Amino acid sequence: MNNIQPTVGRIVHVTVTGQSGPVIVPAIVTHVHSLVCISVVALSAFTLEGFHAGGTRPMTSIEYDEDPTKVGSWRWMEYQKGQAQKTDQIGSTILPRVEALEKAMAAKADTQRIAKPKVAAKAKAKPRKR
């Protein structure tokens, strides 16, 4: 499994039993039990075969599985996996640059602290008499 975190409201693919075998349908995550176990409402109204009169089908505690033929399992859509991969690639190129910048800034701050002359404290001004 990749590093995408399941959260309530996200769309995932769920495999359900259709009239001619396993069918992949979109589903909305309704509860997250763990990183691999979620509850969803399968949106069967989007299938060509249709299997629930109400157009939706609640499913609880379904497990993550990359096999699209495994009925009762869920997986991320290809688009979501592609976006996560792009984010990982960007993160791997940005992180070393951020670390180098932080190191340079810390070194500059240390240099400024060392080179900064100490300023003598000003004497308190006496109040004026009227």
N, C-alpha and C. Protein backbone atom coordinates (compact mmCIF):
# COMPACT_ATOMS: atom_id res chain seq x y z
N MET A 1 0.85 -1.18 0.00
CA MET A 1 0.00 0.00 0.00
C MET A 1 0.89 1.24 0.00
N ASN A 2 0.45 2.27 -0.70
CA ASN A 2 1.22 3.50 -0.74
C ASN A 2 0.92 4.36 0.49
N ASN A 3 1.42 5.58 0.48
CA ASN A 3 1.32 6.42 1.67
C ASN A 3 0.09 7.31 1.71
N ILE A 4 -0.92 7.07 0.90
CA ILE A 4 -2.14 7.88 0.93
C ILE A 4 -2.92 7.51 2.20
N GLN A 5 -3.37 8.53 2.91
CA GLN A 5 -4.13 8.29 4.13
C GLN A 5 -5.63 8.28 3.82
N PRO A 6 -6.34 7.22 4.17
CA PRO A 6 -7.78 7.25 3.97
C PRO A 6 -8.43 8.22 4.95
N THR A 7 -9.33 9.05 4.46
CA THR A 7 -10.06 9.99 5.31
C THR A 7 -11.52 9.99 4.90
N VAL A 8 -12.37 10.34 5.84
CA VAL A 8 -13.81 10.38 5.58
C VAL A 8 -14.08 11.37 4.45
N GLY A 9 -14.90 10.95 3.49
CA GLY A 9 -15.28 11.80 2.38
C GLY A 9 -14.51 11.53 1.09
N ARG A 10 -13.41 10.79 1.18
CA ARG A 10 -12.63 10.50 -0.03
C ARG A 10 -13.32 9.44 -0.87
N ILE A 11 -13.02 9.45 -2.14
CA ILE A 11 -13.57 8.47 -3.06
C ILE A 11 -12.54 7.36 -3.26
N VAL A 12 -12.99 6.14 -3.20
CA VAL A 12 -12.14 4.97 -3.44
C VAL A 12 -12.88 4.03 -4.39
N HIS A 13 -12.19 3.03 -4.89
CA HIS A 13 -12.82 1.99 -5.69
C HIS A 13 -13.08 0.78 -4.81
N VAL A 14 -14.26 0.20 -4.94
CA VAL A 14 -14.65 -0.98 -4.18
C VAL A 14 -15.08 -2.04 -5.19
N THR A 15 -14.71 -3.29 -4.94
CA THR A 15 -15.16 -4.39 -5.79
C THR A 15 -16.35 -5.06 -5.13
N VAL A 16 -17.44 -5.14 -5.89
CA VAL A 16 -18.67 -5.77 -5.41
C VAL A 16 -19.09 -6.85 -6.39
N THR A 17 -20.07 -7.63 -6.01
CA THR A 17 -20.57 -8.68 -6.89
C THR A 17 -21.64 -8.10 -7.81
N GLY A 18 -21.39 -8.22 -9.11
CA GLY A 18 -22.36 -7.78 -10.10
C GLY A 18 -23.04 -8.98 -10.72
N GLN A 19 -23.93 -8.74 -11.68
CA GLN A 19 -24.67 -9.83 -12.31
C GLN A 19 -23.75 -10.76 -13.09
N SER A 20 -22.65 -10.22 -13.62
CA SER A 20 -21.74 -11.07 -14.41
C SER A 20 -20.37 -11.22 -13.77
N GLY A 21 -20.29 -11.05 -12.45
CA GLY A 21 -19.02 -11.21 -11.76
C GLY A 21 -18.62 -9.96 -11.00
N PRO A 22 -17.35 -9.86 -10.59
CA PRO A 22 -16.89 -8.70 -9.83
C PRO A 22 -17.02 -7.40 -10.64
N VAL A 23 -17.50 -6.37 -9.96
CA VAL A 23 -17.66 -5.05 -10.58
C VAL A 23 -16.99 -4.03 -9.67
N ILE A 24 -16.23 -3.12 -10.26
CA ILE A 24 -15.58 -2.05 -9.50
C ILE A 24 -16.49 -0.83 -9.54
N VAL A 25 -16.82 -0.31 -8.35
CA VAL A 25 -17.67 0.87 -8.25
C VAL A 25 -16.99 1.92 -7.37
N PRO A 26 -17.31 3.19 -7.60
CA PRO A 26 -16.78 4.22 -6.70
C PRO A 26 -17.53 4.16 -5.37
N ALA A 27 -16.86 4.56 -4.32
CA ALA A 27 -17.48 4.56 -2.99
C ALA A 27 -16.94 5.73 -2.20
N ILE A 28 -17.74 6.23 -1.30
CA ILE A 28 -17.33 7.33 -0.42
C ILE A 28 -16.96 6.73 0.93
N VAL A 29 -15.78 7.09 1.44
CA VAL A 29 -15.34 6.60 2.75
C VAL A 29 -16.21 7.26 3.82
N THR A 30 -16.81 6.45 4.68
CA THR A 30 -17.65 6.97 5.76
C THR A 30 -17.04 6.80 7.15
N HIS A 31 -16.06 5.90 7.27
CA HIS A 31 -15.38 5.70 8.54
C HIS A 31 -14.02 5.05 8.28
N VAL A 32 -13.02 5.48 9.02
CA VAL A 32 -11.68 4.90 8.89
C VAL A 32 -11.38 4.13 10.17
N HIS A 33 -11.25 2.81 10.04
CA HIS A 33 -10.92 1.96 11.18
C HIS A 33 -9.40 1.90 11.38
N SER A 34 -8.66 1.85 10.27
CA SER A 34 -7.20 1.82 10.28
C SER A 34 -6.74 2.21 8.89
N LEU A 35 -5.44 2.17 8.64
CA LEU A 35 -4.93 2.52 7.32
C LEU A 35 -5.38 1.55 6.24
N VAL A 36 -5.79 0.36 6.62
CA VAL A 36 -6.19 -0.64 5.63
C VAL A 36 -7.64 -1.08 5.76
N CYS A 37 -8.34 -0.65 6.79
CA CYS A 37 -9.72 -1.09 7.01
C CYS A 37 -10.62 0.13 7.13
N ILE A 38 -11.61 0.22 6.22
CA ILE A 38 -12.51 1.37 6.21
C ILE A 38 -13.95 0.89 6.03
N SER A 39 -14.89 1.80 6.26
CA SER A 39 -16.29 1.57 5.92
C SER A 39 -16.65 2.57 4.84
N VAL A 40 -17.49 2.16 3.92
CA VAL A 40 -17.83 3.02 2.79
C VAL A 40 -19.31 2.91 2.47
N VAL A 41 -19.76 3.84 1.64
CA VAL A 41 -21.05 3.71 0.98
C VAL A 41 -20.73 3.56 -0.48
N ALA A 42 -20.96 2.36 -1.01
CA ALA A 42 -20.68 2.10 -2.42
C ALA A 42 -21.76 2.76 -3.25
N LEU A 43 -21.35 3.51 -4.25
CA LEU A 43 -22.29 4.25 -5.08
C LEU A 43 -22.70 3.41 -6.27
N SER A 44 -23.53 2.43 -6.02
CA SER A 44 -23.91 1.49 -7.07
C SER A 44 -24.75 2.13 -8.16
N ALA A 45 -25.26 3.31 -7.94
CA ALA A 45 -26.04 3.98 -8.97
C ALA A 45 -25.17 4.28 -10.19
N PHE A 46 -23.86 4.27 -10.02
CA PHE A 46 -22.95 4.56 -11.12
C PHE A 46 -22.60 3.33 -11.96
N THR A 47 -23.05 2.17 -11.56
CA THR A 47 -22.71 0.96 -12.32
C THR A 47 -23.72 0.75 -13.44
N LEU A 48 -23.32 0.04 -14.47
CA LEU A 48 -24.24 -0.28 -15.56
C LEU A 48 -25.21 -1.37 -15.15
N GLU A 49 -24.76 -2.25 -14.24
CA GLU A 49 -25.58 -3.38 -13.85
C GLU A 49 -26.56 -3.06 -12.74
N GLY A 50 -26.21 -2.13 -11.86
CA GLY A 50 -27.08 -1.76 -10.75
C GLY A 50 -27.44 -2.96 -9.89
N PHE A 51 -27.28 -2.90 -8.58
CA PHE A 51 -27.58 -4.04 -7.73
C PHE A 51 -28.31 -3.65 -6.46
N HIS A 52 -28.63 -2.37 -6.30
CA HIS A 52 -29.33 -1.94 -5.09
C HIS A 52 -30.33 -0.88 -5.50
N ALA A 53 -31.58 -1.09 -5.14
CA ALA A 53 -32.65 -0.19 -5.57
C ALA A 53 -32.43 1.25 -5.12
N GLY A 54 -31.83 1.44 -3.98
CA GLY A 54 -31.62 2.79 -3.46
C GLY A 54 -30.46 3.52 -4.10
N GLY A 55 -29.66 2.84 -4.90
CA GLY A 55 -28.53 3.49 -5.56
C GLY A 55 -27.27 3.51 -4.73
N THR A 56 -27.34 3.15 -3.46
CA THR A 56 -26.13 3.10 -2.63
C THR A 56 -26.15 1.79 -1.86
N ARG A 57 -24.98 1.42 -1.38
CA ARG A 57 -24.86 0.16 -0.64
C ARG A 57 -23.84 0.35 0.47
N PRO A 58 -24.28 0.40 1.74
CA PRO A 58 -23.31 0.53 2.83
C PRO A 58 -22.48 -0.73 2.97
N MET A 59 -21.20 -0.57 3.21
CA MET A 59 -20.29 -1.70 3.42
C MET A 59 -19.39 -1.32 4.59
N THR A 60 -19.29 -2.18 5.58
CA THR A 60 -18.48 -1.86 6.75
C THR A 60 -17.25 -2.77 6.83
N SER A 61 -16.20 -2.21 7.41
CA SER A 61 -14.96 -2.94 7.69
C SER A 61 -14.43 -3.71 6.48
N ILE A 62 -14.25 -3.02 5.37
CA ILE A 62 -13.69 -3.69 4.20
C ILE A 62 -12.18 -3.44 4.16
N GLU A 63 -11.45 -4.42 3.71
CA GLU A 63 -9.99 -4.40 3.73
C GLU A 63 -9.42 -3.91 2.41
N TYR A 64 -8.27 -3.26 2.49
CA TYR A 64 -7.54 -2.79 1.32
C TYR A 64 -6.95 -3.99 0.58
N ASP A 65 -7.05 -3.98 -0.75
CA ASP A 65 -6.41 -5.02 -1.56
C ASP A 65 -6.25 -4.47 -2.97
N GLU A 66 -5.06 -4.61 -3.54
CA GLU A 66 -4.80 -4.12 -4.90
C GLU A 66 -5.46 -4.97 -5.98
N ASP A 67 -5.90 -6.17 -5.63
CA ASP A 67 -6.52 -7.07 -6.61
C ASP A 67 -7.95 -6.60 -6.91
N PRO A 68 -8.20 -6.09 -8.12
CA PRO A 68 -9.53 -5.56 -8.44
C PRO A 68 -10.60 -6.64 -8.57
N THR A 69 -10.23 -7.91 -8.56
CA THR A 69 -11.22 -8.98 -8.67
C THR A 69 -11.67 -9.50 -7.30
N LYS A 70 -11.02 -9.04 -6.24
CA LYS A 70 -11.36 -9.52 -4.90
C LYS A 70 -12.60 -8.77 -4.39
N VAL A 71 -13.73 -9.46 -4.38
CA VAL A 71 -14.98 -8.87 -3.95
C VAL A 71 -14.90 -8.50 -2.47
N GLY A 72 -15.42 -7.31 -2.14
CA GLY A 72 -15.41 -6.86 -0.75
C GLY A 72 -14.11 -6.19 -0.36
N SER A 73 -13.33 -5.72 -1.32
CA SER A 73 -12.07 -5.03 -1.02
C SER A 73 -12.11 -3.63 -1.62
N TRP A 74 -11.21 -2.79 -1.14
CA TRP A 74 -11.13 -1.43 -1.69
C TRP A 74 -9.71 -1.13 -2.11
N ARG A 75 -9.55 -0.13 -2.96
CA ARG A 75 -8.23 0.33 -3.41
C ARG A 75 -8.36 1.77 -3.86
N TRP A 76 -7.21 2.42 -3.96
CA TRP A 76 -7.18 3.79 -4.47
C TRP A 76 -7.35 3.79 -5.98
N MET A 77 -7.93 4.85 -6.50
CA MET A 77 -8.05 5.00 -7.94
C MET A 77 -6.67 5.28 -8.52
N GLU A 78 -6.46 4.95 -9.78
CA GLU A 78 -5.16 5.16 -10.43
C GLU A 78 -4.75 6.62 -10.36
N TYR A 79 -5.68 7.53 -10.53
CA TYR A 79 -5.37 8.95 -10.47
C TYR A 79 -4.79 9.32 -9.11
N GLN A 80 -5.42 8.82 -8.03
CA GLN A 80 -4.94 9.13 -6.69
C GLN A 80 -3.53 8.59 -6.47
N LYS A 81 -3.28 7.38 -6.97
CA LYS A 81 -1.94 6.80 -6.83
C LYS A 81 -0.91 7.62 -7.61
N GLY A 82 -1.30 8.09 -8.79
CA GLY A 82 -0.40 8.93 -9.59
C GLY A 82 -0.08 10.24 -8.90
N GLN A 83 -1.10 10.86 -8.30
CA GLN A 83 -0.88 12.12 -7.58
C GLN A 83 0.03 11.91 -6.37
N ALA A 84 -0.16 10.80 -5.66
CA ALA A 84 0.69 10.51 -4.50
C ALA A 84 2.13 10.29 -4.93
N GLN A 85 2.32 9.63 -6.07
CA GLN A 85 3.67 9.39 -6.58
C GLN A 85 4.33 10.71 -6.95
N LYS A 86 3.59 11.63 -7.58
CA LYS A 86 4.15 12.94 -7.92
C LYS A 86 4.55 13.70 -6.66
N THR A 87 3.69 13.64 -5.65
CA THR A 87 3.99 14.32 -4.38
C THR A 87 5.25 13.75 -3.74
N ASP A 88 5.40 12.43 -3.77
CA ASP A 88 6.59 11.80 -3.22
C ASP A 88 7.85 12.25 -3.97
N GLN A 89 7.75 12.33 -5.30
CA GLN A 89 8.90 12.75 -6.10
C GLN A 89 9.28 14.19 -5.80
N ILE A 90 8.29 15.05 -5.70
CA ILE A 90 8.56 16.46 -5.39
C ILE A 90 9.18 16.57 -4.00
N GLY A 91 8.61 15.82 -3.05
CA GLY A 91 9.14 15.84 -1.68
C GLY A 91 10.58 15.39 -1.61
N SER A 92 10.94 14.40 -2.40
CA SER A 92 12.31 13.89 -2.36
C SER A 92 13.30 14.88 -2.97
N THR A 93 12.85 15.76 -3.85
CA THR A 93 13.75 16.77 -4.42
C THR A 93 13.77 18.04 -3.58
N ILE A 94 12.66 18.34 -2.93
CA ILE A 94 12.58 19.57 -2.14
C ILE A 94 13.24 19.43 -0.78
N LEU A 95 13.07 18.28 -0.13
CA LEU A 95 13.59 18.09 1.22
C LEU A 95 15.08 18.39 1.35
N PRO A 96 15.95 17.87 0.48
CA PRO A 96 17.37 18.21 0.61
C PRO A 96 17.63 19.71 0.43
N ARG A 97 16.86 20.35 -0.44
CA ARG A 97 17.03 21.80 -0.65
C ARG A 97 16.61 22.58 0.59
N VAL A 98 15.52 22.17 1.23
CA VAL A 98 15.06 22.84 2.45
C VAL A 98 16.08 22.64 3.57
N GLU A 99 16.61 21.43 3.71
CA GLU A 99 17.60 21.16 4.74
C GLU A 99 18.86 22.00 4.53
N ALA A 100 19.29 22.13 3.27
CA ALA A 100 20.48 22.93 2.96
C ALA A 100 20.22 24.41 3.28
N LEU A 101 19.03 24.89 2.96
CA LEU A 101 18.67 26.28 3.25
C LEU A 101 18.63 26.53 4.75
N GLU A 102 18.04 25.61 5.50
CA GLU A 102 17.99 25.76 6.96
C GLU A 102 19.39 25.77 7.55
N LYS A 103 20.28 24.94 7.04
CA LYS A 103 21.66 24.89 7.53
C LYS A 103 22.38 26.20 7.23
N ALA A 104 22.18 26.73 6.02
CA ALA A 104 22.81 28.00 5.65
C ALA A 104 22.29 29.15 6.51
N MET A 105 21.00 29.15 6.77
CA MET A 105 20.42 30.20 7.61
C MET A 105 20.94 30.12 9.04
N ALA A 106 21.09 28.91 9.56
CA ALA A 106 21.61 28.73 10.91
C ALA A 106 23.06 29.21 10.99
N ALA A 107 23.86 28.89 9.96
CA ALA A 107 25.26 29.32 9.93
C ALA A 107 25.34 30.84 9.86
N LYS A 108 24.47 31.45 9.08
CA LYS A 108 24.46 32.92 8.97
C LYS A 108 24.07 33.56 10.30
N ALA A 109 23.10 32.98 10.97
CA ALA A 109 22.68 33.50 12.27
C ALA A 109 23.81 33.38 13.28
N ASP A 110 24.55 32.27 13.27
CA ASP A 110 25.69 32.10 14.17
C ASP A 110 26.76 33.15 13.88
N THR A 111 27.04 33.40 12.61
CA THR A 111 28.04 34.39 12.21
C THR A 111 27.63 35.78 12.68
N GLN A 112 26.38 36.11 12.55
CA GLN A 112 25.91 37.44 12.96
C GLN A 112 25.98 37.61 14.47
N ARG A 113 25.71 36.54 15.20
CA ARG A 113 25.80 36.63 16.66
C ARG A 113 27.25 36.86 17.10
N ILE A 114 28.19 36.22 16.44
CA ILE A 114 29.61 36.35 16.81
C ILE A 114 30.13 37.73 16.42
N ALA A 115 29.79 38.21 15.25
CA ALA A 115 30.33 39.47 14.74
C ALA A 115 29.64 40.70 15.31
N LYS A 116 28.51 40.56 15.93
CA LYS A 116 27.75 41.70 16.42
C LYS A 116 28.43 42.30 17.66
N PRO A 117 28.81 43.58 17.61
CA PRO A 117 29.44 44.20 18.79
C PRO A 117 28.41 44.38 19.90
N LYS A 118 28.89 44.29 21.12
CA LYS A 118 27.99 44.48 22.25
C LYS A 118 27.79 45.97 22.46
N VAL A 119 26.56 46.34 22.64
CA VAL A 119 26.22 47.75 22.83
C VAL A 119 26.08 47.99 24.32
N ALA A 120 26.74 49.04 24.80
CA ALA A 120 26.66 49.36 26.22
C ALA A 120 25.25 49.80 26.57
N ALA A 121 24.83 49.42 27.74
CA ALA A 121 23.49 49.81 28.18
C ALA A 121 23.45 51.31 28.39
N LYS A 122 22.39 51.93 27.95
CA LYS A 122 22.24 53.38 28.11
C LYS A 122 21.89 53.70 29.55
N ALA A 123 22.43 54.82 30.02
CA ALA A 123 22.11 55.25 31.38
C ALA A 123 20.69 55.76 31.39
N LYS A 124 20.03 55.54 32.50
CA LYS A 124 18.67 56.01 32.61
C LYS A 124 18.66 57.53 32.67
N ALA A 125 17.77 58.09 31.92
CA ALA A 125 17.65 59.56 31.91
C ALA A 125 16.92 60.00 33.18
N LYS A 126 17.45 61.10 33.75
CA LYS A 126 16.82 61.64 34.97
C LYS A 126 15.61 62.45 34.56
N PRO A 127 14.53 62.35 35.36
CA PRO A 127 13.36 63.15 35.02
C PRO A 127 13.67 64.64 35.17
N ARG A 128 13.12 65.46 34.30
CA ARG A 128 13.34 66.91 34.34
C ARG A 128 12.50 67.56 35.45
N LYS A 129 13.09 68.54 36.03
CA LYS A 129 12.35 69.29 37.04
C LYS A 129 11.71 70.48 36.36
N ARG A 130 10.52 70.82 36.77
CA ARG A 130 9.83 71.98 36.18
C ARG A 130 9.81 73.13 37.10
